[in-house]
Amino acid sequence: MKKTGKALIVYEDNLTLGWGAECAAFIAQDAFEFLDAPVMRVAGPDVPAMPYARTMQDFFMPNAEKIASAIRKLARY
């Protein structure tokens, strides 16, 4: 993080109240002076549970396209 000044956290859980939020909080607390952009997270949407239907699972889970889009957005910051 000292080299890039940016952090992207990817995890397969709901965005809100997930462990990724805790990681982002630790990064913001312990490495704030090294950040050039806000800590970004790529995660599932805030829904009650993982859907059973395969197409809905593909929508829910982070994938290469979502991650690449977040990386590009973070790089432009």
PDB file of N, CA and C in Angstrom:
ATOM      1  N   MET A   1       0.810  -1.182   0.000  1.00  0.00           N
ATOM      2  CA  MET A   1       0.000   0.000   0.000  1.00  0.00           C
ATOM      3  C   MET A   1       0.861   1.256   0.000  1.00  0.00           C
ATOM      4  N   LYS A   2       2.008   1.200   0.621  1.00  0.00           N
ATOM      5  CA  LYS A   2       2.885   2.369   0.616  1.00  0.00           C
ATOM      6  C   LYS A   2       3.329   2.700  -0.798  1.00  0.00           C
ATOM      7  N   LYS A   3       3.515   1.675  -1.636  1.00  0.00           N
ATOM      8  CA  LYS A   3       3.955   1.902  -3.012  1.00  0.00           C
ATOM      9  C   LYS A   3       2.857   2.508  -3.873  1.00  0.00           C
ATOM     10  N   THR A   4       1.647   1.970  -3.775  1.00  0.00           N
ATOM     11  CA  THR A   4       0.565   2.406  -4.668  1.00  0.00           C
ATOM     12  C   THR A   4      -0.303   3.498  -4.081  1.00  0.00           C
ATOM     13  N   GLY A   5      -0.454   3.525  -2.777  1.00  0.00           N
ATOM     14  CA  GLY A   5      -1.319   4.511  -2.143  1.00  0.00           C
ATOM     15  C   GLY A   5      -2.790   4.175  -2.281  1.00  0.00           C
ATOM     16  N   LYS A   6      -3.087   2.960  -2.735  1.00  0.00           N
ATOM     17  CA  LYS A   6      -4.471   2.568  -2.956  1.00  0.00           C
ATOM     18  C   LYS A   6      -4.704   1.159  -2.414  1.00  0.00           C
ATOM     19  N   ALA A   7      -5.963   0.879  -2.047  1.00  0.00           N
ATOM     20  CA  ALA A   7      -6.315  -0.446  -1.537  1.00  0.00           C
ATOM     21  C   ALA A   7      -7.677  -0.855  -2.076  1.00  0.00           C
ATOM     22  N   LEU A   8      -7.750  -2.079  -2.593  1.00  0.00           N
ATOM     23  CA  LEU A   8      -9.006  -2.657  -3.066  1.00  0.00           C
ATOM     24  C   LEU A   8      -9.202  -3.970  -2.324  1.00  0.00           C
ATOM     25  N   ILE A   9     -10.340  -4.110  -1.672  1.00  0.00           N
ATOM     26  CA  ILE A   9     -10.658  -5.315  -0.916  1.00  0.00           C
ATOM     27  C   ILE A   9     -11.770  -6.050  -1.654  1.00  0.00           C
ATOM     28  N   VAL A  10     -11.537  -7.315  -1.961  1.00  0.00           N
ATOM     29  CA  VAL A  10     -12.520  -8.146  -2.668  1.00  0.00           C
ATOM     30  C   VAL A  10     -12.899  -9.299  -1.755  1.00  0.00           C
ATOM     31  N   TYR A  11     -14.202  -9.482  -1.557  1.00  0.00           N
ATOM     32  CA  TYR A  11     -14.660 -10.587  -0.720  1.00  0.00           C
ATOM     33  C   TYR A  11     -16.056 -11.031  -1.144  1.00  0.00           C
ATOM     34  N   GLU A  12     -16.372 -12.282  -0.824  1.00  0.00           N
ATOM     35  CA  GLU A  12     -17.618 -12.904  -1.271  1.00  0.00           C
ATOM     36  C   GLU A  12     -18.675 -12.881  -0.173  1.00  0.00           C
ATOM     37  N   ASP A  13     -19.004 -11.716   0.303  1.00  0.00           N
ATOM     38  CA  ASP A  13     -20.019 -11.559   1.335  1.00  0.00           C
ATOM     39  C   ASP A  13     -20.771 -10.269   1.037  1.00  0.00           C
ATOM     40  N   ASN A  14     -21.781  -9.961   1.840  1.00  0.00           N
ATOM     41  CA  ASN A  14     -22.480  -8.696   1.662  1.00  0.00           C
ATOM     42  C   ASN A  14     -21.521  -7.533   1.874  1.00  0.00           C
ATOM     43  N   LEU A  15     -21.776  -6.457   1.176  1.00  0.00           N
ATOM     44  CA  LEU A  15     -20.902  -5.289   1.270  1.00  0.00           C
ATOM     45  C   LEU A  15     -20.927  -4.695   2.679  1.00  0.00           C
ATOM     46  N   THR A  16     -22.107  -4.514   3.225  1.00  0.00           N
ATOM     47  CA  THR A  16     -22.258  -3.886   4.528  1.00  0.00           C
ATOM     48  C   THR A  16     -22.066  -4.898   5.657  1.00  0.00           C
ATOM     49  N   LEU A  17     -21.324  -4.509   6.658  1.00  0.00           N
ATOM     50  CA  LEU A  17     -21.084  -5.301   7.866  1.00  0.00           C
ATOM     51  C   LEU A  17     -20.329  -6.599   7.606  1.00  0.00           C
ATOM     52  N   GLY A  18     -19.618  -6.686   6.511  1.00  0.00           N
ATOM     53  CA  GLY A  18     -18.798  -7.862   6.236  1.00  0.00           C
ATOM     54  C   GLY A  18     -17.396  -7.669   6.773  1.00  0.00           C
ATOM     55  N   TRP A  19     -16.578  -8.711   6.642  1.00  0.00           N
ATOM     56  CA  TRP A  19     -15.210  -8.602   7.146  1.00  0.00           C
ATOM     57  C   TRP A  19     -14.403  -7.625   6.300  1.00  0.00           C
ATOM     58  N   GLY A  20     -14.823  -7.388   5.067  1.00  0.00           N
ATOM     59  CA  GLY A  20     -14.135  -6.404   4.229  1.00  0.00           C
ATOM     60  C   GLY A  20     -14.245  -4.995   4.793  1.00  0.00           C
ATOM     61  N   ALA A  21     -15.365  -4.703   5.434  1.00  0.00           N
ATOM     62  CA  ALA A  21     -15.529  -3.400   6.081  1.00  0.00           C
ATOM     63  C   ALA A  21     -14.546  -3.247   7.234  1.00  0.00           C
ATOM     64  N   GLU A  22     -14.326  -4.342   7.952  1.00  0.00           N
ATOM     65  CA  GLU A  22     -13.347  -4.314   9.040  1.00  0.00           C
ATOM     66  C   GLU A  22     -11.934  -4.119   8.494  1.00  0.00           C
ATOM     67  N   CYS A  23     -11.609  -4.807   7.411  1.00  0.00           N
ATOM     68  CA  CYS A  23     -10.286  -4.627   6.785  1.00  0.00           C
ATOM     69  C   CYS A  23     -10.102  -3.183   6.342  1.00  0.00           C
ATOM     70  N   ALA A  24     -11.137  -2.615   5.728  1.00  0.00           N
ATOM     71  CA  ALA A  24     -11.066  -1.216   5.286  1.00  0.00           C
ATOM     72  C   ALA A  24     -10.863  -0.277   6.468  1.00  0.00           C
ATOM     73  N   ALA A  25     -11.524  -0.580   7.581  1.00  0.00           N
ATOM     74  CA  ALA A  25     -11.368   0.246   8.782  1.00  0.00           C
ATOM     75  C   ALA A  25      -9.945   0.162   9.323  1.00  0.00           C
ATOM     76  N   PHE A  26      -9.368  -1.041   9.337  1.00  0.00           N
ATOM     77  CA  PHE A  26      -7.985  -1.190   9.800  1.00  0.00           C
ATOM     78  C   PHE A  26      -7.016  -0.444   8.891  1.00  0.00           C
ATOM     79  N   ILE A  27      -7.225  -0.545   7.601  1.00  0.00           N
ATOM     80  CA  ILE A  27      -6.344   0.162   6.656  1.00  0.00           C
ATOM     81  C   ILE A  27      -6.458   1.659   6.855  1.00  0.00           C
ATOM     82  N   ALA A  28      -7.687   2.150   6.974  1.00  0.00           N
ATOM     83  CA  ALA A  28      -7.888   3.585   7.180  1.00  0.00           C
ATOM     84  C   ALA A  28      -7.288   4.052   8.501  1.00  0.00           C
ATOM     85  N   GLN A  29      -7.351   3.200   9.504  1.00  0.00           N
ATOM     86  CA  GLN A  29      -6.819   3.562  10.818  1.00  0.00           C
ATOM     87  C   GLN A  29      -5.293   3.531  10.855  1.00  0.00           C
ATOM     88  N   ASP A  30      -4.714   2.489  10.303  1.00  0.00           N
ATOM     89  CA  ASP A  30      -3.273   2.283  10.449  1.00  0.00           C
ATOM     90  C   ASP A  30      -2.425   2.807   9.291  1.00  0.00           C
ATOM     91  N   ALA A  31      -3.041   3.065   8.147  1.00  0.00           N
ATOM     92  CA  ALA A  31      -2.250   3.475   6.984  1.00  0.00           C
ATOM     93  C   ALA A  31      -2.853   4.685   6.277  1.00  0.00           C
ATOM     94  N   PHE A  32      -3.617   5.486   6.977  1.00  0.00           N
ATOM     95  CA  PHE A  32      -4.297   6.620   6.360  1.00  0.00           C
ATOM     96  C   PHE A  32      -3.329   7.563   5.659  1.00  0.00           C
ATOM     97  N   GLU A  33      -2.177   7.793   6.268  1.00  0.00           N
ATOM     98  CA  GLU A  33      -1.226   8.754   5.688  1.00  0.00           C
ATOM     99  C   GLU A  33      -0.624   8.268   4.370  1.00  0.00           C
ATOM    100  N   PHE A  34      -0.744   6.982   4.061  1.00  0.00           N
ATOM    101  CA  PHE A  34      -0.205   6.435   2.816  1.00  0.00           C
ATOM    102  C   PHE A  34      -1.242   6.378   1.698  1.00  0.00           C
ATOM    103  N   LEU A  35      -2.513   6.624   2.012  1.00  0.00           N
ATOM    104  CA  LEU A  35      -3.580   6.492   1.027  1.00  0.00           C
ATOM    105  C   LEU A  35      -3.684   7.716   0.128  1.00  0.00           C
ATOM    106  N   ASP A  36      -3.784   7.459  -1.179  1.00  0.00           N
ATOM    107  CA  ASP A  36      -4.029   8.523  -2.161  1.00  0.00           C
ATOM    108  C   ASP A  36      -5.472   8.508  -2.634  1.00  0.00           C
ATOM    109  N   ALA A  37      -6.219   7.501  -2.244  1.00  0.00           N
ATOM    110  CA  ALA A  37      -7.615   7.336  -2.648  1.00  0.00           C
ATOM    111  C   ALA A  37      -8.339   6.605  -1.532  1.00  0.00           C
ATOM    112  N   PRO A  38      -9.657   6.684  -1.521  1.00  0.00           N
ATOM    113  CA  PRO A  38     -10.392   5.938  -0.502  1.00  0.00           C
ATOM    114  C   PRO A  38     -10.230   4.430  -0.693  1.00  0.00           C
ATOM    115  N   VAL A  39     -10.341   3.696   0.387  1.00  0.00           N
ATOM    116  CA  VAL A  39     -10.304   2.240   0.310  1.00  0.00           C
ATOM    117  C   VAL A  39     -11.590   1.798  -0.389  1.00  0.00           C
ATOM    118  N   MET A  40     -11.455   0.974  -1.420  1.00  0.00           N
ATOM    119  CA  MET A  40     -12.626   0.498  -2.160  1.00  0.00           C
ATOM    120  C   MET A  40     -12.862  -0.975  -1.859  1.00  0.00           C
ATOM    121  N   ARG A  41     -14.143  -1.385  -1.935  1.00  0.00           N
ATOM    122  CA  ARG A  41     -14.517  -2.772  -1.701  1.00  0.00           C
ATOM    123  C   ARG A  41     -15.359  -3.284  -2.857  1.00  0.00           C
ATOM    124  N   VAL A  42     -15.085  -4.515  -3.263  1.00  0.00           N
ATOM    125  CA  VAL A  42     -15.921  -5.224  -4.241  1.00  0.00           C
ATOM    126  C   VAL A  42     -16.480  -6.421  -3.498  1.00  0.00           C
ATOM    127  N   ALA A  43     -17.807  -6.484  -3.403  1.00  0.00           N
ATOM    128  CA  ALA A  43     -18.454  -7.557  -2.655  1.00  0.00           C
ATOM    129  C   ALA A  43     -19.839  -7.801  -3.227  1.00  0.00           C
ATOM    130  N   GLY A  44     -20.532  -8.734  -2.614  1.00  0.00           N
ATOM    131  CA  GLY A  44     -21.905  -8.997  -3.024  1.00  0.00           C
ATOM    132  C   GLY A  44     -22.817  -7.875  -2.574  1.00  0.00           C
ATOM    133  N   PRO A  45     -23.995  -7.798  -3.188  1.00  0.00           N
ATOM    134  CA  PRO A  45     -24.952  -6.757  -2.780  1.00  0.00           C
ATOM    135  C   PRO A  45     -25.526  -7.054  -1.399  1.00  0.00           C
ATOM    136  N   ASP A  46     -26.137  -6.064  -0.811  1.00  0.00           N
ATOM    137  CA  ASP A  46     -26.728  -6.220   0.515  1.00  0.00           C
ATOM    138  C   ASP A  46     -28.105  -6.875   0.411  1.00  0.00           C
ATOM    139  N   VAL A  47     -28.096  -8.185   0.327  1.00  0.00           N
ATOM    140  CA  VAL A  47     -29.328  -8.980   0.292  1.00  0.00           C
ATOM    141  C   VAL A  47     -29.248  -9.992   1.429  1.00  0.00           C
ATOM    142  N   PRO A  48     -30.388 -10.540   1.863  1.00  0.00           N
ATOM    143  CA  PRO A  48     -30.382 -11.419   3.033  1.00  0.00           C
ATOM    144  C   PRO A  48     -29.507 -12.662   2.909  1.00  0.00           C
ATOM    145  N   ALA A  49     -29.494 -13.315   1.762  1.00  0.00           N
ATOM    146  CA  ALA A  49     -28.727 -14.560   1.647  1.00  0.00           C
ATOM    147  C   ALA A  49     -28.304 -14.779   0.202  1.00  0.00           C
ATOM    148  N   MET A  50     -27.323 -15.647   0.030  1.00  0.00           N
ATOM    149  CA  MET A  50     -26.868 -16.015  -1.307  1.00  0.00           C
ATOM    150  C   MET A  50     -28.013 -16.712  -2.037  1.00  0.00           C
ATOM    151  N   PRO A  51     -28.352 -16.269  -3.252  1.00  0.00           N
ATOM    152  CA  PRO A  51     -29.442 -16.912  -3.996  1.00  0.00           C
ATOM    153  C   PRO A  51     -29.066 -18.326  -4.447  1.00  0.00           C
ATOM    154  N   TYR A  52     -30.081 -19.157  -4.646  1.00  0.00           N
ATOM    155  CA  TYR A  52     -29.862 -20.538  -5.090  1.00  0.00           C
ATOM    156  C   TYR A  52     -29.732 -20.638  -6.608  1.00  0.00           C
ATOM    157  N   ALA A  53     -30.440 -19.795  -7.338  1.00  0.00           N
ATOM    158  CA  ALA A  53     -30.413 -19.847  -8.801  1.00  0.00           C
ATOM    159  C   ALA A  53     -29.012 -19.472  -9.307  1.00  0.00           C
ATOM    160  N   ARG A  54     -28.505 -20.249 -10.239  1.00  0.00           N
ATOM    161  CA  ARG A  54     -27.146 -20.050 -10.765  1.00  0.00           C
ATOM    162  C   ARG A  54     -26.961 -18.645 -11.350  1.00  0.00           C
ATOM    163  N   THR A  55     -27.953 -18.159 -12.106  1.00  0.00           N
ATOM    164  CA  THR A  55     -27.821 -16.826 -12.708  1.00  0.00           C
ATOM    165  C   THR A  55     -27.769 -15.741 -11.640  1.00  0.00           C
ATOM    166  N   MET A  56     -28.516 -15.939 -10.562  1.00  0.00           N
ATOM    167  CA  MET A  56     -28.489 -14.962  -9.471  1.00  0.00           C
ATOM    168  C   MET A  56     -27.176 -15.043  -8.696  1.00  0.00           C
ATOM    169  N   GLN A  57     -26.601 -16.248  -8.592  1.00  0.00           N
ATOM    170  CA  GLN A  57     -25.302 -16.386  -7.944  1.00  0.00           C
ATOM    171  C   GLN A  57     -24.236 -15.645  -8.737  1.00  0.00           C
ATOM    172  N   ASP A  58     -24.304 -15.723 -10.051  1.00  0.00           N
ATOM    173  CA  ASP A  58     -23.355 -14.991 -10.894  1.00  0.00           C
ATOM    174  C   ASP A  58     -23.496 -13.491 -10.693  1.00  0.00           C
ATOM    175  N   PHE A  59     -24.736 -13.020 -10.490  1.00  0.00           N
ATOM    176  CA  PHE A  59     -24.966 -11.603 -10.214  1.00  0.00           C
ATOM    177  C   PHE A  59     -24.399 -11.214  -8.851  1.00  0.00           C
ATOM    178  N   PHE A  60     -24.559 -12.101  -7.879  1.00  0.00           N
ATOM    179  CA  PHE A  60     -24.168 -11.806  -6.499  1.00  0.00           C
ATOM    180  C   PHE A  60     -22.656 -11.777  -6.306  1.00  0.00           C
ATOM    181  N   MET A  61     -21.976 -12.772  -6.839  1.00  0.00           N
ATOM    182  CA  MET A  61     -20.555 -12.953  -6.557  1.00  0.00           C
ATOM    183  C   MET A  61     -19.671 -11.957  -7.309  1.00  0.00           C
ATOM    184  N   PRO A  62     -18.589 -11.503  -6.684  1.00  0.00           N
ATOM    185  CA  PRO A  62     -17.603 -10.705  -7.416  1.00  0.00           C
ATOM    186  C   PRO A  62     -16.991 -11.565  -8.523  1.00  0.00           C
ATOM    187  N   ASN A  63     -16.733 -10.942  -9.649  1.00  0.00           N
ATOM    188  CA  ASN A  63     -16.111 -11.662 -10.761  1.00  0.00           C
ATOM    189  C   ASN A  63     -15.020 -10.788 -11.366  1.00  0.00           C
ATOM    190  N   ALA A  64     -14.345 -11.315 -12.361  1.00  0.00           N
ATOM    191  CA  ALA A  64     -13.215 -10.599 -12.959  1.00  0.00           C
ATOM    192  C   ALA A  64     -13.641  -9.253 -13.532  1.00  0.00           C
ATOM    193  N   GLU A  65     -14.821  -9.188 -14.122  1.00  0.00           N
ATOM    194  CA  GLU A  65     -15.300  -7.928 -14.709  1.00  0.00           C
ATOM    195  C   GLU A  65     -15.531  -6.861 -13.640  1.00  0.00           C
ATOM    196  N   LYS A  66     -16.168  -7.242 -12.542  1.00  0.00           N
ATOM    197  CA  LYS A  66     -16.416  -6.292 -11.448  1.00  0.00           C
ATOM    198  C   LYS A  66     -15.102  -5.832 -10.820  1.00  0.00           C
ATOM    199  N   ILE A  67     -14.178  -6.751 -10.648  1.00  0.00           N
ATOM    200  CA  ILE A  67     -12.886  -6.406 -10.048  1.00  0.00           C
ATOM    201  C   ILE A  67     -12.096  -5.488 -10.967  1.00  0.00           C
ATOM    202  N   ALA A  68     -12.054  -5.809 -12.264  1.00  0.00           N
ATOM    203  CA  ALA A  68     -11.328  -4.970 -13.228  1.00  0.00           C
ATOM    204  C   ALA A  68     -11.921  -3.572 -13.287  1.00  0.00           C
ATOM    205  N   SER A  69     -13.239  -3.469 -13.237  1.00  0.00           N
ATOM    206  CA  SER A  69     -13.886  -2.158 -13.248  1.00  0.00           C
ATOM    207  C   SER A  69     -13.498  -1.345 -12.011  1.00  0.00           C
ATOM    208  N   ALA A  70     -13.472  -1.987 -10.849  1.00  0.00           N
ATOM    209  CA  ALA A  70     -13.087  -1.296  -9.620  1.00  0.00           C
ATOM    210  C   ALA A  70     -11.624  -0.869  -9.662  1.00  0.00           C
ATOM    211  N   ILE A  71     -10.765  -1.714 -10.225  1.00  0.00           N
ATOM    212  CA  ILE A  71      -9.348  -1.367 -10.337  1.00  0.00           C
ATOM    213  C   ILE A  71      -9.177  -0.148 -11.234  1.00  0.00           C
ATOM    214  N   ARG A  72      -9.896  -0.123 -12.367  1.00  0.00           N
ATOM    215  CA  ARG A  72      -9.804   1.039 -13.268  1.00  0.00           C
ATOM    216  C   ARG A  72     -10.291   2.310 -12.588  1.00  0.00           C
ATOM    217  N   LYS A  73     -11.400   2.199 -11.856  1.00  0.00           N
ATOM    218  CA  LYS A  73     -11.949   3.357 -11.137  1.00  0.00           C
ATOM    219  C   LYS A  73     -10.949   3.852 -10.083  1.00  0.00           C
ATOM    220  N   LEU A  74     -10.359   2.930  -9.369  1.00  0.00           N
ATOM    221  CA  LEU A  74      -9.384   3.285  -8.343  1.00  0.00           C
ATOM    222  C   LEU A  74      -8.133   3.902  -8.954  1.00  0.00           C
ATOM    223  N   ALA A  75      -7.697   3.377 -10.089  1.00  0.00           N
ATOM    224  CA  ALA A  75      -6.507   3.907 -10.763  1.00  0.00           C
ATOM    225  C   ALA A  75      -6.719   5.327 -11.267  1.00  0.00           C
ATOM    226  N   ARG A  76      -7.953   5.646 -11.664  1.00  0.00           N
ATOM    227  CA  ARG A  76      -8.265   7.001 -12.160  1.00  0.00           C
ATOM    228  C   ARG A  76      -8.352   8.022 -11.028  1.00  0.00           C
ATOM    229  N   TYR A  77      -8.506   7.562  -9.811  1.00  0.00           N
ATOM    230  CA  TYR A  77      -8.709   8.483  -8.688  1.00  0.00           C
ATOM    231  C   TYR A  77      -7.494   9.358  -8.474  1.00  0.00           C
TER     232      TYR A  77
END
